């Protein structure tokens, strides 16, 4: 699987990693994961390729803010069922966010679901903790993980937001710690890492024991 990172600006000094996934360098179809802002920048990277799906790792505004600008692609929008209502309603009362332009989630995801893109198969891992509907996307053939805000370089996602849970996060991190050490982790913010690095330097070891 080819992973292209598009760093988008949410607000002054705050960026988010949107990912464009394709089967290979020459793949004509793509999946957009977590379009947080700057739809035009994302579409410029997509270019002439066809957007098949838009996948959201969780409900927070900094991961879904460009959805309205991507409507014209006609892509199917996917999110975990426990976060889908917030995205579809365009209102998150818990966070004081009101955006009537949000688009409807076309398909809800559950743990263990598989999403295909050509020869690529992404397995949905339900990883609640940051939000109740947080997910990661795992490509076993390529040892790649789109981690959203579940796991970062030397850090984990906050659990003090509405529907967040420290105890659920611990269980989710235990699940991720079982992945191969060479698995490359593509987080929602900041730099890439690997499962092995996070075990070695304490983040997964600390939270997953």
C-alpha atoms as a PDB file:
ATOM      1  CA  UNK A   1       0.000   0.000   0.000  1.00  0.00           C
ATOM      2  CA  UNK A   2       1.212   3.466  -0.835  1.00  0.00           C
ATOM      3  CA  UNK A   3       0.653   6.072   1.892  1.00  0.00           C
ATOM      4  CA  UNK A   4       0.852   9.783   1.070  1.00  0.00           C
ATOM      5  CA  UNK A   5       0.746  12.203   3.980  1.00  0.00           C
ATOM      6  CA  UNK A   6      -0.901  15.590   3.469  1.00  0.00           C
ATOM      7  CA  UNK A   7      -0.278  17.853   6.448  1.00  0.00           C
ATOM      8  CA  UNK A   8      -3.219  20.242   6.715  1.00  0.00           C
ATOM      9  CA  UNK A   9      -3.498  23.383   8.825  1.00  0.00           C
ATOM     10  CA  UNK A  10      -6.316  23.317  11.374  1.00  0.00           C
ATOM     11  CA  UNK A  11      -5.442  26.549  13.161  1.00  0.00           C
ATOM     12  CA  UNK A  12      -2.347  28.590  13.938  1.00  0.00           C
ATOM     13  CA  UNK A  13       0.399  26.176  14.930  1.00  0.00           C
ATOM     14  CA  UNK A  14      -1.906  23.133  14.849  1.00  0.00           C
ATOM     15  CA  UNK A  15      -1.780  20.663  11.973  1.00  0.00           C
ATOM     16  CA  UNK A  16      -3.291  17.259  11.215  1.00  0.00           C
ATOM     17  CA  UNK A  17      -2.146  14.388   9.023  1.00  0.00           C
ATOM     18  CA  UNK A  18      -4.552  13.456   6.256  1.00  0.00           C
ATOM     19  CA  UNK A  19      -3.567  10.315   4.363  1.00  0.00           C
ATOM     20  CA  UNK A  20      -4.163   9.338   0.761  1.00  0.00           C
ATOM     21  CA  UNK A  21      -3.985   5.576   0.328  1.00  0.00           C
ATOM     22  CA  UNK A  22      -3.505   3.750  -2.957  1.00  0.00           C
ATOM     23  CA  UNK A  23      -2.569   0.287  -4.156  1.00  0.00           C
ATOM     24  CA  UNK A  24       0.716   1.479  -5.638  1.00  0.00           C
ATOM     25  CA  UNK A  25       2.472   4.479  -7.125  1.00  0.00           C
ATOM     26  CA  UNK A  26       0.443   3.939 -10.287  1.00  0.00           C
ATOM     27  CA  UNK A  27      -2.897   3.229  -8.632  1.00  0.00           C
ATOM     28  CA  UNK A  28      -5.759   5.175 -10.187  1.00  0.00           C
ATOM     29  CA  UNK A  29      -8.121   4.860  -7.211  1.00  0.00           C
ATOM     30  CA  UNK A  30      -7.531   6.200  -3.711  1.00  0.00           C
ATOM     31  CA  UNK A  31      -8.928   6.327  -0.209  1.00  0.00           C
ATOM     32  CA  UNK A  32      -8.743   9.576   1.735  1.00  0.00           C
ATOM     33  CA  UNK A  33      -8.338   9.093   5.462  1.00  0.00           C
ATOM     34  CA  UNK A  34      -9.108  11.872   7.980  1.00  0.00           C
ATOM     35  CA  UNK A  35      -9.551  15.019   5.854  1.00  0.00           C
ATOM     36  CA  UNK A  36      -9.206  17.556   8.659  1.00  0.00           C
ATOM     37  CA  UNK A  37      -9.058  20.782   6.629  1.00  0.00           C
ATOM     38  CA  UNK A  38      -7.932  22.344   3.344  1.00  0.00           C
ATOM     39  CA  UNK A  39      -9.970  20.247   0.929  1.00  0.00           C
ATOM     40  CA  UNK A  40      -8.389  21.963  -2.068  1.00  0.00           C
ATOM     41  CA  UNK A  41      -4.893  21.002  -0.901  1.00  0.00           C
ATOM     42  CA  UNK A  42      -5.986  17.385  -0.466  1.00  0.00           C
ATOM     43  CA  UNK A  43      -7.606  17.301  -3.908  1.00  0.00           C
ATOM     44  CA  UNK A  44      -4.495  18.787  -5.493  1.00  0.00           C
ATOM     45  CA  UNK A  45      -2.510  15.820  -4.196  1.00  0.00           C
ATOM     46  CA  UNK A  46      -5.194  13.387  -5.388  1.00  0.00           C
ATOM     47  CA  UNK A  47      -4.993  14.939  -8.854  1.00  0.00           C
ATOM     48  CA  UNK A  48      -6.752  12.983 -11.602  1.00  0.00           C
ATOM     49  CA  UNK A  49      -7.175   9.863  -9.493  1.00  0.00           C
ATOM     50  CA  UNK A  50     -10.616   8.684  -8.403  1.00  0.00           C
ATOM     51  CA  UNK A  51     -11.569   8.908  -4.718  1.00  0.00           C
ATOM     52  CA  UNK A  52     -13.413   5.690  -3.833  1.00  0.00           C
ATOM     53  CA  UNK A  53     -13.835   6.183  -0.105  1.00  0.00           C
ATOM     54  CA  UNK A  54     -13.271   8.655   2.703  1.00  0.00           C
ATOM     55  CA  UNK A  55     -12.562   6.964   6.028  1.00  0.00           C
ATOM     56  CA  UNK A  56     -12.712   8.743   9.379  1.00  0.00           C
ATOM     57  CA  UNK A  57     -10.751   7.326  12.306  1.00  0.00           C
ATOM     58  CA  UNK A  58     -12.891   9.282  14.771  1.00  0.00           C
ATOM     59  CA  UNK A  59     -15.385  12.092  15.220  1.00  0.00           C
ATOM     60  CA  UNK A  60     -13.236  15.108  16.144  1.00  0.00           C
ATOM     61  CA  UNK A  61     -13.452  18.247  14.033  1.00  0.00           C
ATOM     62  CA  UNK A  62      -9.737  18.279  13.201  1.00  0.00           C
ATOM     63  CA  UNK A  63     -10.179  14.975  11.361  1.00  0.00           C
ATOM     64  CA  UNK A  64     -13.441  15.670   9.512  1.00  0.00           C
ATOM     65  CA  UNK A  65     -13.368  19.409   8.770  1.00  0.00           C
ATOM     66  CA  UNK A  66     -12.800  19.077   5.009  1.00  0.00           C
ATOM     67  CA  UNK A  67     -15.623  16.615   4.390  1.00  0.00           C
ATOM     68  CA  UNK A  68     -17.931  19.234   2.932  1.00  0.00           C
ATOM     69  CA  UNK A  69     -15.284  20.307   0.433  1.00  0.00           C
ATOM     70  CA  UNK A  70     -14.833  16.719  -0.701  1.00  0.00           C
ATOM     71  CA  UNK A  71     -18.523  16.071  -1.435  1.00  0.00           C
ATOM     72  CA  UNK A  72     -17.984  16.587  -5.142  1.00  0.00           C
ATOM     73  CA  UNK A  73     -15.817  13.466  -5.364  1.00  0.00           C
ATOM     74  CA  UNK A  74     -18.919  11.339  -4.765  1.00  0.00           C
ATOM     75  CA  UNK A  75     -16.882   9.093  -2.482  1.00  0.00           C
ATOM     76  CA  UNK A  76     -18.494   6.845   0.108  1.00  0.00           C
ATOM     77  CA  UNK A  77     -17.912   8.121   3.673  1.00  0.00           C
ATOM     78  CA  UNK A  78     -17.125   5.523   6.345  1.00  0.00           C
ATOM     79  CA  UNK A  79     -16.798   5.762  10.143  1.00  0.00           C
ATOM     80  CA  UNK A  80     -17.330   3.566  13.166  1.00  0.00           C
ATOM     81  CA  UNK A  81     -20.972   3.323  14.157  1.00  0.00           C
ATOM     82  CA  UNK A  82     -20.371   4.852  17.579  1.00  0.00           C
ATOM     83  CA  UNK A  83     -18.944   8.053  16.099  1.00  0.00           C
ATOM     84  CA  UNK A  84     -21.027   8.200  12.913  1.00  0.00           C
ATOM     85  CA  UNK A  85     -24.010  10.070  14.410  1.00  0.00           C
ATOM     86  CA  UNK A  86     -21.892  13.046  15.402  1.00  0.00           C
ATOM     87  CA  UNK A  87     -20.362  13.251  11.936  1.00  0.00           C
ATOM     88  CA  UNK A  88     -23.682  12.896  10.112  1.00  0.00           C
ATOM     89  CA  UNK A  89     -25.546  15.376  12.309  1.00  0.00           C
ATOM     90  CA  UNK A  90     -22.810  17.951  11.900  1.00  0.00           C
ATOM     91  CA  UNK A  91     -23.226  18.881  15.548  1.00  0.00           C
ATOM     92  CA  UNK A  92     -21.128  17.775  18.486  1.00  0.00           C
ATOM     93  CA  UNK A  93     -22.845  19.212  21.523  1.00  0.00           C
ATOM     94  CA  UNK A  94     -20.213  17.704  23.792  1.00  0.00           C
ATOM     95  CA  UNK A  95     -17.464  19.744  22.192  1.00  0.00           C
ATOM     96  CA  UNK A  96     -19.394  22.888  21.362  1.00  0.00           C
ATOM     97  CA  UNK A  97     -18.923  22.332  17.646  1.00  0.00           C
ATOM     98  CA  UNK A  98     -21.689  23.204  15.219  1.00  0.00           C
ATOM     99  CA  UNK A  99     -21.058  22.682  11.525  1.00  0.00           C
ATOM    100  CA  UNK A 100     -24.230  22.218   9.505  1.00  0.00           C
ATOM    101  CA  UNK A 101     -22.212  21.445   6.377  1.00  0.00           C
ATOM    102  CA  UNK A 102     -21.023  18.031   7.527  1.00  0.00           C
ATOM    103  CA  UNK A 103     -21.952  15.119   5.280  1.00  0.00           C
ATOM    104  CA  UNK A 104     -23.771  11.903   6.038  1.00  0.00           C
ATOM    105  CA  UNK A 105     -21.777   8.776   6.845  1.00  0.00           C
ATOM    106  CA  UNK A 106     -22.746   6.249   4.165  1.00  0.00           C
ATOM    107  CA  UNK A 107     -21.431   3.133   5.851  1.00  0.00           C
ATOM    108  CA  UNK A 108     -20.714   2.338   9.481  1.00  0.00           C
ATOM    109  CA  UNK A 109     -17.768   0.181  10.445  1.00  0.00           C
ATOM    110  CA  UNK A 110     -17.220  -2.376  13.182  1.00  0.00           C
ATOM    111  CA  UNK A 111     -14.183  -4.167  14.571  1.00  0.00           C
ATOM    112  CA  UNK A 112     -12.882  -6.769  12.137  1.00  0.00           C
ATOM    113  CA  UNK A 113     -14.443  -5.283   9.001  1.00  0.00           C
ATOM    114  CA  UNK A 114     -12.323  -5.326   5.851  1.00  0.00           C
ATOM    115  CA  UNK A 115     -12.039  -2.446   3.396  1.00  0.00           C
ATOM    116  CA  UNK A 116     -10.625  -3.258  -0.041  1.00  0.00           C
ATOM    117  CA  UNK A 117      -8.810  -1.047  -2.516  1.00  0.00           C
ATOM    118  CA  UNK A 118      -7.630  -3.059  -5.488  1.00  0.00           C
ATOM    119  CA  UNK A 119      -5.329  -5.671  -4.001  1.00  0.00           C
ATOM    120  CA  UNK A 120      -5.031  -3.853  -0.674  1.00  0.00           C
ATOM    121  CA  UNK A 121      -7.079  -5.037   2.280  1.00  0.00           C
ATOM    122  CA  UNK A 122      -7.434  -2.829   5.343  1.00  0.00           C
ATOM    123  CA  UNK A 123      -8.671  -4.404   8.551  1.00  0.00           C
ATOM    124  CA  UNK A 124     -10.694  -2.194  10.884  1.00  0.00           C
ATOM    125  CA  UNK A 125      -9.456  -2.276  14.478  1.00  0.00           C
ATOM    126  CA  UNK A 126     -11.876  -0.689  16.941  1.00  0.00           C
ATOM    127  CA  UNK A 127      -9.634   1.179  19.383  1.00  0.00           C
ATOM    128  CA  UNK A 128     -11.852   3.167  21.778  1.00  0.00           C
ATOM    129  CA  UNK A 129     -10.248   5.454  24.303  1.00  0.00           C
ATOM    130  CA  UNK A 130      -9.701   8.789  22.575  1.00  0.00           C
ATOM    131  CA  UNK A 131     -13.358   8.557  21.516  1.00  0.00           C
ATOM    132  CA  UNK A 132     -15.783   5.678  21.847  1.00  0.00           C
ATOM    133  CA  UNK A 133     -15.752   5.117  18.085  1.00  0.00           C
ATOM    134  CA  UNK A 134     -12.037   5.489  17.370  1.00  0.00           C
ATOM    135  CA  UNK A 135     -10.579   3.055  14.845  1.00  0.00           C
ATOM    136  CA  UNK A 136      -7.246   2.154  13.287  1.00  0.00           C
ATOM    137  CA  UNK A 137      -6.743   0.669   9.816  1.00  0.00           C
ATOM    138  CA  UNK A 138      -4.249  -2.183   9.502  1.00  0.00           C
ATOM    139  CA  UNK A 139      -2.676  -3.499   6.313  1.00  0.00           C
ATOM    140  CA  UNK A 140      -1.162  -6.847   7.334  1.00  0.00           C
ATOM    141  CA  UNK A 141       0.473  -7.444   3.954  1.00  0.00           C
ATOM    142  CA  UNK A 142       2.396  -4.185   4.162  1.00  0.00           C
ATOM    143  CA  UNK A 143       2.694  -3.871   7.961  1.00  0.00           C
ATOM    144  CA  UNK A 144       1.117  -0.416   7.961  1.00  0.00           C
ATOM    145  CA  UNK A 145      -1.235   1.131  10.516  1.00  0.00           C
ATOM    146  CA  UNK A 146      -3.307   4.278  10.078  1.00  0.00           C
ATOM    147  CA  UNK A 147      -3.609   5.096  13.774  1.00  0.00           C
ATOM    148  CA  UNK A 148      -5.716   8.250  13.997  1.00  0.00           C
ATOM    149  CA  UNK A 149      -5.307   9.689  17.487  1.00  0.00           C
ATOM    150  CA  UNK A 150      -4.935   6.333  19.239  1.00  0.00           C
ATOM    151  CA  UNK A 151      -1.133   6.161  19.046  1.00  0.00           C
ATOM    152  CA  UNK A 152       1.482   8.794  18.239  1.00  0.00           C
ATOM    153  CA  UNK A 153       5.257   9.045  18.147  1.00  0.00           C
ATOM    154  CA  UNK A 154       6.139   8.609  21.840  1.00  0.00           C
ATOM    155  CA  UNK A 155       2.618   9.444  22.966  1.00  0.00           C
ATOM    156  CA  UNK A 156      -1.015   8.374  23.026  1.00  0.00           C
ATOM    157  CA  UNK A 157      -4.271  10.219  22.427  1.00  0.00           C
ATOM    158  CA  UNK A 158      -5.959  12.192  25.185  1.00  0.00           C
ATOM    159  CA  UNK A 159      -8.849  10.562  27.022  1.00  0.00           C
ATOM    160  CA  UNK A 160     -10.318  13.651  28.697  1.00  0.00           C
ATOM    161  CA  UNK A 161     -12.622  14.465  25.781  1.00  0.00           C
ATOM    162  CA  UNK A 162     -16.314  13.441  25.807  1.00  0.00           C
ATOM    163  CA  UNK A 163     -16.669   9.641  25.334  1.00  0.00           C
ATOM    164  CA  UNK A 164     -12.956   9.224  26.074  1.00  0.00           C
ATOM    165  CA  UNK A 165     -11.911   6.443  28.440  1.00  0.00           C
ATOM    166  CA  UNK A 166      -8.506   5.681  29.922  1.00  0.00           C
ATOM    167  CA  UNK A 167      -9.446   2.079  30.686  1.00  0.00           C
ATOM    168  CA  UNK A 168     -10.684   1.506  27.128  1.00  0.00           C
ATOM    169  CA  UNK A 169      -7.533   3.113  25.797  1.00  0.00           C
ATOM    170  CA  UNK A 170      -5.366   0.662  27.736  1.00  0.00           C
ATOM    171  CA  UNK A 171      -7.215  -2.253  26.158  1.00  0.00           C
ATOM    172  CA  UNK A 172      -6.852  -0.692  22.711  1.00  0.00           C
ATOM    173  CA  UNK A 173      -3.119  -0.233  23.192  1.00  0.00           C
ATOM    174  CA  UNK A 174      -2.787  -3.850  24.268  1.00  0.00           C
ATOM    175  CA  UNK A 175      -4.367  -4.771  20.932  1.00  0.00           C
ATOM    176  CA  UNK A 176      -1.891  -2.609  19.011  1.00  0.00           C
ATOM    177  CA  UNK A 177       1.059  -3.989  20.990  1.00  0.00           C
ATOM    178  CA  UNK A 178       0.294  -7.410  19.498  1.00  0.00           C
ATOM    179  CA  UNK A 179       1.030  -6.176  15.969  1.00  0.00           C
ATOM    180  CA  UNK A 180       4.455  -6.958  14.451  1.00  0.00           C
ATOM    181  CA  UNK A 181       7.259  -4.689  15.660  1.00  0.00           C
ATOM    182  CA  UNK A 182       8.014  -3.590  12.094  1.00  0.00           C
ATOM    183  CA  UNK A 183       4.502  -2.188  11.632  1.00  0.00           C
ATOM    184  CA  UNK A 184       4.777   1.442  10.517  1.00  0.00           C
ATOM    185  CA  UNK A 185       2.419   3.707  12.452  1.00  0.00           C
ATOM    186  CA  UNK A 186       0.930   6.687  10.607  1.00  0.00           C
ATOM    187  CA  UNK A 187      -0.579   8.895  13.336  1.00  0.00           C
ATOM    188  CA  UNK A 188      -3.107  11.690  13.143  1.00  0.00           C
ATOM    189  CA  UNK A 189      -0.531  14.274  14.167  1.00  0.00           C
ATOM    190  CA  UNK A 190       3.243  14.666  14.022  1.00  0.00           C
ATOM    191  CA  UNK A 191       5.796  12.051  12.915  1.00  0.00           C
ATOM    192  CA  UNK A 192       5.556   8.408  11.885  1.00  0.00           C
ATOM    193  CA  UNK A 193       6.814   5.679  14.188  1.00  0.00           C
ATOM    194  CA  UNK A 194       6.702   1.879  14.480  1.00  0.00           C
ATOM    195  CA  UNK A 195       5.123  -0.532  16.923  1.00  0.00           C
ATOM    196  CA  UNK A 196       8.612  -1.769  17.830  1.00  0.00           C
ATOM    197  CA  UNK A 197       9.878   1.727  18.599  1.00  0.00           C
ATOM    198  CA  UNK A 198       6.914   2.436  20.838  1.00  0.00           C
ATOM    199  CA  UNK A 199       7.495  -0.821  22.726  1.00  0.00           C
ATOM    200  CA  UNK A 200      11.208  -0.115  23.102  1.00  0.00           C
ATOM    201  CA  UNK A 201      10.919   3.478  24.212  1.00  0.00           C
ATOM    202  CA  UNK A 202       8.142   2.900  26.693  1.00  0.00           C
ATOM    203  CA  UNK A 203       4.884   4.220  25.280  1.00  0.00           C
ATOM    204  CA  UNK A 204       3.262   0.881  24.460  1.00  0.00           C
ATOM    205  CA  UNK A 205       5.108  -0.892  27.256  1.00  0.00           C
ATOM    206  CA  UNK A 206       3.781   1.594  29.790  1.00  0.00           C
ATOM    207  CA  UNK A 207       0.162   1.547  28.658  1.00  0.00           C
ATOM    208  CA  UNK A 208      -0.245  -2.012  27.450  1.00  0.00           C
ATOM    209  CA  UNK A 209       1.069  -4.123  30.322  1.00  0.00           C
END
